[in-house]
Amino acid sequence: MLNIVIIAVGKLKENFYREAFNEYLKRLSPYARIKVEELKAEPFKVESDKLKSKAAEAERILKLLDVYAESEIFILDERGEESTSVELSAVFKKHQSRKIVFVVGGTLGLAEEILKNKKYHFLALSKMTLPHELVRVVLGEQIYRAVCISLGKEYHY
């Protein structure tokens, strides 16, 4: 069984995002253990607060990533490498004995300290900037799709 952790900054505030994400978690439950580590988003009021807020979020993310240091860690960022669903399925097969961790930034994105770290894999769900809530839904769907591909289930055509 796959063991996946999703580290996400901020909550899913809108019901439609929460319901869609939870639907994919439910669909995945027979095939994967999914743990969602939701980190507090830092408030910011003015432009000068943004760097401070990003740094505080990065500190929490990095502290949690230390806990998962033996895992395969994928940082989601539009500048990352694009992958097909079939390729993501192959990643799951390759690392099925290890924990797989995905990191989703918050409203402000991720600090350069994280984005420049060469020990992580960088994955783009799209080259477009997406709201972090939508990223979680798309990630949930793509994890489900990749699992279905690896199991030969009829979901991916």
Protein backbone atom coordinates (compact mmCIF):
# COMPACT_ATOMS: atom_id res chain seq x y z
CA MET A 1 0.00 0.00 0.00
CA LEU A 2 1.31 3.44 -0.89
CA ASN A 3 2.18 5.76 1.96
CA ILE A 4 1.68 9.41 0.95
CA VAL A 5 1.94 12.62 2.94
CA ILE A 6 0.63 15.95 1.67
CA ILE A 7 2.10 18.95 3.45
CA ALA A 8 -0.04 21.99 2.69
CA VAL A 9 0.10 25.58 3.88
CA GLY A 10 -3.35 26.92 4.65
CA LYS A 11 -6.76 25.39 4.99
CA LEU A 12 -9.31 24.48 2.34
CA LYS A 13 -11.74 27.28 3.16
CA GLU A 14 -14.30 26.79 0.41
CA ASN A 15 -16.64 23.81 0.78
CA PHE A 16 -16.41 22.85 -2.90
CA TYR A 17 -12.60 22.49 -2.68
CA ARG A 18 -12.85 20.56 0.59
CA GLU A 19 -15.55 18.23 -0.75
CA ALA A 20 -13.66 17.52 -3.98
CA PHE A 21 -10.37 16.86 -2.16
CA ASN A 22 -12.05 14.62 0.42
CA GLU A 23 -13.74 12.65 -2.37
CA TYR A 24 -10.33 11.74 -3.82
CA LEU A 25 -9.03 10.84 -0.35
CA LYS A 26 -12.03 8.54 0.08
CA ARG A 27 -11.45 6.92 -3.33
CA LEU A 28 -7.78 6.40 -2.46
CA SER A 29 -8.40 4.86 0.97
CA PRO A 30 -8.36 1.21 -0.24
CA TYR A 31 -5.04 1.71 -2.06
CA ALA A 32 -3.00 4.27 -0.13
CA ARG A 33 -2.49 5.74 3.30
CA ILE A 34 -2.79 9.49 2.86
CA LYS A 35 -1.82 11.83 5.67
CA VAL A 36 -2.50 15.54 5.27
CA GLU A 37 -0.27 17.83 7.34
CA GLU A 38 -1.95 21.24 7.21
CA LEU A 39 0.31 24.07 8.31
CA LYS A 40 -0.89 27.47 9.47
CA ALA A 41 -0.72 30.19 6.81
CA GLU A 42 0.97 33.36 7.96
CA PRO A 43 -1.10 36.54 7.72
CA PHE A 44 0.19 39.51 5.75
CA LYS A 45 -1.29 42.96 5.36
CA VAL A 46 1.25 44.92 3.38
CA GLU A 47 3.86 44.05 0.77
CA SER A 48 6.71 44.18 3.28
CA ASP A 49 5.02 41.46 5.38
CA LYS A 50 5.10 38.93 2.53
CA LEU A 51 8.77 37.96 2.82
CA LYS A 52 8.48 37.62 6.60
CA SER A 53 5.35 35.49 6.21
CA LYS A 54 6.96 33.27 3.56
CA ALA A 55 10.02 32.80 5.75
CA ALA A 56 7.88 31.76 8.74
CA GLU A 57 5.96 29.27 6.56
CA ALA A 58 9.22 27.94 5.12
CA GLU A 59 10.60 27.38 8.60
CA ARG A 60 7.58 25.23 9.50
CA ILE A 61 7.72 23.34 6.18
CA LEU A 62 11.45 22.60 6.54
CA LYS A 63 11.01 21.45 10.14
CA LEU A 64 8.33 19.01 9.01
CA LEU A 65 10.40 17.88 6.01
CA ASP A 66 13.16 16.94 8.46
CA VAL A 67 10.71 14.44 9.94
CA TYR A 68 10.27 12.94 6.46
CA ALA A 69 13.95 13.14 5.46
CA GLU A 70 14.02 9.46 4.38
CA SER A 71 11.06 9.98 2.02
CA GLU A 72 10.80 10.92 -1.64
CA ILE A 73 9.90 14.61 -1.45
CA PHE A 74 8.13 16.45 -4.26
CA ILE A 75 7.76 20.22 -4.08
CA LEU A 76 4.85 21.47 -6.20
CA ASP A 77 5.79 24.58 -8.13
CA GLU A 78 4.90 25.86 -11.60
CA ARG A 79 8.64 26.02 -12.42
CA GLY A 80 9.01 22.31 -11.65
CA GLU A 81 9.14 19.45 -14.11
CA GLU A 82 5.88 18.57 -15.79
CA SER A 83 4.86 14.94 -15.68
CA THR A 84 2.16 12.83 -17.28
CA SER A 85 -0.21 10.77 -15.18
CA VAL A 86 1.48 7.62 -16.49
CA GLU A 87 4.88 8.97 -15.41
CA LEU A 88 3.51 9.78 -11.95
CA SER A 89 2.21 6.22 -11.74
CA ALA A 90 5.73 4.97 -12.54
CA VAL A 91 7.12 7.15 -9.71
CA PHE A 92 4.67 5.48 -7.32
CA LYS A 93 5.74 2.03 -8.49
CA LYS A 94 9.42 2.92 -8.18
CA HIS A 95 9.04 4.30 -4.65
CA GLN A 96 6.22 2.14 -3.32
CA SER A 97 8.37 0.96 -0.41
CA ARG A 98 9.11 4.56 0.66
CA LYS A 99 6.94 7.33 1.95
CA ILE A 100 6.13 9.89 -0.77
CA VAL A 101 5.70 13.49 0.35
CA PHE A 102 4.12 16.32 -1.65
CA VAL A 103 4.49 19.94 -0.52
CA VAL A 104 1.88 22.55 -1.50
CA GLY A 105 2.65 26.19 -0.73
CA GLY A 106 0.07 28.67 0.46
CA THR A 107 -1.24 31.92 -0.97
CA LEU A 108 2.26 33.41 -1.16
CA GLY A 109 3.85 30.34 -2.71
CA LEU A 110 7.08 28.88 -1.36
CA ALA A 111 10.22 30.62 -0.13
CA GLU A 112 13.36 30.50 -2.28
CA GLU A 113 15.05 28.59 0.52
CA ILE A 114 12.82 25.63 -0.37
CA LEU A 115 12.72 26.20 -4.12
CA LYS A 116 16.51 26.22 -4.45
CA ASN A 117 17.10 23.05 -2.42
CA LYS A 118 18.56 20.41 -4.76
CA LYS A 119 17.67 17.45 -2.54
CA TYR A 120 13.97 17.70 -3.46
CA HIS A 121 12.12 16.82 -6.66
CA PHE A 122 10.17 19.71 -8.20
CA LEU A 123 6.88 18.92 -9.89
CA ALA A 124 4.56 21.22 -11.84
CA LEU A 125 0.88 20.32 -12.14
CA SER A 126 0.71 23.17 -14.64
CA LYS A 127 2.95 25.98 -15.83
CA MET A 128 0.12 28.30 -14.83
CA THR A 129 -0.19 29.64 -11.31
CA LEU A 130 -3.08 27.95 -9.53
CA PRO A 131 -4.72 28.76 -6.20
CA HIS A 132 -3.29 26.52 -3.48
CA GLU A 133 -6.77 25.11 -2.72
CA LEU A 134 -7.20 24.04 -6.35
CA VAL A 135 -3.70 22.54 -6.37
CA ARG A 136 -4.74 20.22 -3.54
CA VAL A 137 -7.78 19.05 -5.49
CA VAL A 138 -5.79 18.51 -8.70
CA LEU A 139 -3.06 16.72 -6.74
CA GLY A 140 -5.64 14.44 -5.11
CA GLU A 141 -7.12 13.62 -8.50
CA GLN A 142 -3.71 12.95 -10.07
CA ILE A 143 -2.66 10.69 -7.20
CA TYR A 144 -5.91 8.77 -7.64
CA ARG A 145 -5.42 8.59 -11.42
CA ALA A 146 -1.82 7.37 -11.03
CA VAL A 147 -2.92 4.68 -8.58
CA CYS A 148 -5.68 3.57 -10.97
CA ILE A 149 -3.15 3.36 -13.82
CA SER A 150 -0.81 1.22 -11.74
CA LEU A 151 -3.68 -1.10 -10.79
CA GLY A 152 -5.04 -1.32 -14.34
CA LYS A 153 -8.37 0.16 -13.30
CA GLU A 154 -10.59 1.88 -15.85
CA TYR A 155 -10.28 5.52 -14.95
CA HIS A 156 -7.48 6.72 -17.23
CA TYR A 157 -8.09 6.42 -20.98
